[in-house]
Amino acid sequence: MTDRTEPSAGELRQLLAVALEALDIPTPATVGDSETHREILAHRTMDTVIALRGVLEGGDDPGWSADYLRARLAEKPATGYRAWGEGR
């Protein structure tokens, strides 16, 4: 971390909650839905790694990183495939 105070537990919890939201997307319903699911998850994983690395290695503010990650998630919603259990 750089010359700033340590992040609060609340800031870190906020970042972890957004990271979980990014990665915990519904399971695809069929093999045909798997490719779209995989692409969405790959993008979300990359954005999550960038945000976490920024905090852990770059000293970024966890609150700012959570906001960054939320903005990226809004650009790449977990839609466009059928989720398991959907419509049952």
Protein backbone atom coordinates (compact mmCIF):
# COMPACT_ATOMS: atom_id res chain seq x y z
CA MET A 1 0.00 0.00 0.00
CA THR A 2 1.06 3.56 -0.54
CA ASP A 3 1.20 6.39 2.04
CA ARG A 4 -2.44 6.21 3.08
CA THR A 5 -4.29 4.70 5.96
CA GLU A 6 -5.23 1.06 5.82
CA PRO A 7 -8.66 0.43 4.30
CA SER A 8 -11.52 -0.17 6.66
CA ALA A 9 -13.15 -3.55 7.03
CA GLY A 10 -16.29 -2.04 5.50
CA GLU A 11 -14.41 -0.94 2.36
CA LEU A 12 -12.87 -4.37 1.98
CA ARG A 13 -16.22 -6.11 2.53
CA GLN A 14 -17.75 -3.88 -0.15
CA LEU A 15 -15.05 -4.88 -2.63
CA LEU A 16 -15.39 -8.56 -1.76
CA ALA A 17 -19.18 -8.38 -2.18
CA VAL A 18 -18.80 -6.91 -5.67
CA ALA A 19 -16.15 -9.51 -6.54
CA LEU A 20 -18.54 -12.27 -5.48
CA GLU A 21 -21.34 -10.67 -7.53
CA ALA A 22 -19.02 -10.63 -10.54
CA LEU A 23 -18.07 -14.29 -10.31
CA ASP A 24 -21.21 -15.93 -8.92
CA ILE A 25 -23.35 -15.92 -12.05
CA PRO A 26 -26.07 -18.50 -12.82
CA THR A 27 -25.06 -21.86 -14.23
CA PRO A 28 -25.96 -22.33 -17.90
CA ALA A 29 -29.06 -24.42 -18.63
CA THR A 30 -27.66 -26.32 -21.60
CA VAL A 31 -24.42 -27.10 -23.36
CA GLY A 32 -25.49 -24.55 -25.97
CA ASP A 33 -25.62 -21.84 -23.31
CA SER A 34 -22.19 -22.75 -21.96
CA GLU A 35 -20.17 -20.76 -24.49
CA THR A 36 -21.96 -17.49 -23.73
CA HIS A 37 -21.70 -18.20 -19.98
CA ARG A 38 -17.97 -18.91 -20.33
CA GLU A 39 -17.35 -15.66 -22.26
CA ILE A 40 -19.27 -13.57 -19.72
CA LEU A 41 -17.46 -15.23 -16.82
CA ALA A 42 -14.05 -14.75 -18.48
CA HIS A 43 -14.65 -11.00 -18.90
CA ARG A 44 -15.94 -10.65 -15.35
CA THR A 45 -13.00 -12.63 -13.97
CA MET A 46 -10.52 -10.37 -15.79
CA ASP A 47 -12.21 -7.22 -14.44
CA THR A 48 -12.27 -8.69 -10.93
CA VAL A 49 -8.57 -9.55 -11.07
CA ILE A 50 -7.76 -6.01 -12.24
CA ALA A 51 -9.72 -4.49 -9.35
CA LEU A 52 -8.23 -6.81 -6.71
CA ARG A 53 -4.70 -6.43 -8.04
CA GLY A 54 -5.10 -2.67 -7.97
CA VAL A 55 -5.87 -2.79 -4.26
CA LEU A 56 -3.37 -5.46 -3.27
CA GLU A 57 -0.44 -4.46 -5.47
CA GLY A 58 -1.13 -0.87 -6.47
CA GLY A 59 -2.55 0.54 -3.26
CA ASP A 60 -5.83 1.56 -4.90
CA ASP A 61 -8.70 2.55 -2.66
CA PRO A 62 -11.04 -0.45 -2.18
CA GLY A 63 -14.14 1.74 -2.43
CA TRP A 64 -12.97 3.16 -5.74
CA SER A 65 -12.09 -0.33 -6.96
CA ALA A 66 -15.56 -1.60 -5.99
CA ASP A 67 -17.13 1.25 -7.97
CA TYR A 68 -14.84 0.49 -10.93
CA LEU A 69 -15.84 -3.17 -10.85
CA ARG A 70 -19.55 -2.33 -10.59
CA ALA A 71 -19.24 -0.11 -13.67
CA ARG A 72 -17.54 -2.92 -15.62
CA LEU A 73 -20.28 -5.38 -14.53
CA ALA A 74 -22.96 -3.00 -15.76
CA GLU A 75 -21.26 -3.04 -19.18
CA LYS A 76 -21.22 -6.86 -19.21
CA PRO A 77 -24.42 -8.11 -17.57
CA ALA A 78 -24.80 -11.86 -17.05
CA THR A 79 -27.50 -12.13 -19.71
CA GLY A 80 -27.80 -13.64 -23.16
CA TYR A 81 -27.97 -17.26 -22.08
CA ARG A 82 -30.52 -19.46 -20.35
CA ALA A 83 -29.71 -20.20 -16.75
CA TRP A 84 -30.28 -23.55 -15.08
CA GLY A 85 -33.69 -23.65 -13.37
CA GLU A 86 -34.89 -20.62 -15.30
CA GLY A 87 -38.55 -20.74 -16.24
CA ARG A 88 -39.34 -23.83 -14.20
